């Protein structure tokens, strides 16, 4: 099964145009599927795409 590239929380932050705290809040809530390796989160590209598609309706909070 190909999940695509594994992204760091910093990569997710840049792609979603969100602040660091908001990204970690989303990751901890489980809304964005991720894995923890030691103390770091990793998100597959497919999980990020799924999250974006699920939240296209306007639940997105871009960084001001």
C-alpha atoms as a PDB file:
ATOM      1  CA  UNK A   1       0.000   0.000   0.000  1.00  0.00           C
ATOM      2  CA  UNK A   2       1.491   3.338  -1.071  1.00  0.00           C
ATOM      3  CA  UNK A   3       0.838   6.248   1.270  1.00  0.00           C
ATOM      4  CA  UNK A   4       3.094   8.675  -0.569  1.00  0.00           C
ATOM      5  CA  UNK A   5       5.704  10.760   1.154  1.00  0.00           C
ATOM      6  CA  UNK A   6       5.611  11.007   4.943  1.00  0.00           C
ATOM      7  CA  UNK A   7       5.334  14.624   6.042  1.00  0.00           C
ATOM      8  CA  UNK A   8       6.523  16.271   9.245  1.00  0.00           C
ATOM      9  CA  UNK A   9       4.321  18.592  11.292  1.00  0.00           C
ATOM     10  CA  UNK A  10       6.308  21.475   9.784  1.00  0.00           C
ATOM     11  CA  UNK A  11       5.450  20.257   6.264  1.00  0.00           C
ATOM     12  CA  UNK A  12       1.767  20.056   7.229  1.00  0.00           C
ATOM     13  CA  UNK A  13       1.924  23.552   8.730  1.00  0.00           C
ATOM     14  CA  UNK A  14       3.296  24.990   5.496  1.00  0.00           C
ATOM     15  CA  UNK A  15       0.841  23.150   3.245  1.00  0.00           C
ATOM     16  CA  UNK A  16      -2.232  24.091   5.279  1.00  0.00           C
ATOM     17  CA  UNK A  17      -1.045  27.625   6.107  1.00  0.00           C
ATOM     18  CA  UNK A  18      -1.703  27.034   9.794  1.00  0.00           C
ATOM     19  CA  UNK A  19       0.209  27.860  12.926  1.00  0.00           C
ATOM     20  CA  UNK A  20       2.215  25.272  14.826  1.00  0.00           C
ATOM     21  CA  UNK A  21      -0.241  25.061  17.739  1.00  0.00           C
ATOM     22  CA  UNK A  22      -3.217  24.510  15.436  1.00  0.00           C
ATOM     23  CA  UNK A  23      -1.412  21.720  13.574  1.00  0.00           C
ATOM     24  CA  UNK A  24      -0.602  19.938  16.843  1.00  0.00           C
ATOM     25  CA  UNK A  25      -4.183  20.423  18.039  1.00  0.00           C
ATOM     26  CA  UNK A  26      -5.483  18.745  14.864  1.00  0.00           C
ATOM     27  CA  UNK A  27      -2.934  15.927  15.163  1.00  0.00           C
ATOM     28  CA  UNK A  28      -3.701  15.259  18.843  1.00  0.00           C
ATOM     29  CA  UNK A  29      -7.450  15.249  18.163  1.00  0.00           C
ATOM     30  CA  UNK A  30      -7.036  12.471  15.588  1.00  0.00           C
ATOM     31  CA  UNK A  31      -8.846  14.466  12.897  1.00  0.00           C
ATOM     32  CA  UNK A  32      -5.711  14.189  10.772  1.00  0.00           C
ATOM     33  CA  UNK A  33      -4.451  10.601  10.736  1.00  0.00           C
ATOM     34  CA  UNK A  34      -0.809  10.344  11.742  1.00  0.00           C
ATOM     35  CA  UNK A  35       1.789   8.111  13.326  1.00  0.00           C
ATOM     36  CA  UNK A  36       4.138   9.004  16.138  1.00  0.00           C
ATOM     37  CA  UNK A  37       7.741   7.997  15.849  1.00  0.00           C
ATOM     38  CA  UNK A  38       9.394   8.683  19.172  1.00  0.00           C
ATOM     39  CA  UNK A  39       8.209  12.234  19.881  1.00  0.00           C
ATOM     40  CA  UNK A  40       7.532  13.289  16.293  1.00  0.00           C
ATOM     41  CA  UNK A  41       4.369  13.094  14.217  1.00  0.00           C
ATOM     42  CA  UNK A  42       4.414  11.859  10.631  1.00  0.00           C
ATOM     43  CA  UNK A  43       1.491  12.317   8.239  1.00  0.00           C
ATOM     44  CA  UNK A  44       1.152  10.538   4.918  1.00  0.00           C
ATOM     45  CA  UNK A  45       0.304  12.581   1.852  1.00  0.00           C
ATOM     46  CA  UNK A  46      -2.821  10.453   1.396  1.00  0.00           C
ATOM     47  CA  UNK A  47      -3.978  11.256   4.965  1.00  0.00           C
ATOM     48  CA  UNK A  48      -3.422  14.968   4.362  1.00  0.00           C
ATOM     49  CA  UNK A  49      -5.388  14.831   1.098  1.00  0.00           C
ATOM     50  CA  UNK A  50      -8.229  13.001   2.852  1.00  0.00           C
ATOM     51  CA  UNK A  51      -8.277  15.600   5.639  1.00  0.00           C
ATOM     52  CA  UNK A  52      -8.453  18.434   3.110  1.00  0.00           C
ATOM     53  CA  UNK A  53     -11.272  16.753   1.172  1.00  0.00           C
ATOM     54  CA  UNK A  54     -13.251  16.159   4.390  1.00  0.00           C
ATOM     55  CA  UNK A  55     -12.909  19.824   5.384  1.00  0.00           C
ATOM     56  CA  UNK A  56     -13.490  21.513   2.035  1.00  0.00           C
ATOM     57  CA  UNK A  57     -16.872  22.757   3.191  1.00  0.00           C
ATOM     58  CA  UNK A  58     -15.292  25.552   5.218  1.00  0.00           C
ATOM     59  CA  UNK A  59     -14.080  23.999   8.464  1.00  0.00           C
ATOM     60  CA  UNK A  60     -10.614  25.165   7.521  1.00  0.00           C
ATOM     61  CA  UNK A  61      -8.986  27.866   9.673  1.00  0.00           C
ATOM     62  CA  UNK A  62      -6.069  29.387   7.738  1.00  0.00           C
ATOM     63  CA  UNK A  63      -3.463  31.345   9.649  1.00  0.00           C
ATOM     64  CA  UNK A  64      -4.156  35.083   9.565  1.00  0.00           C
END
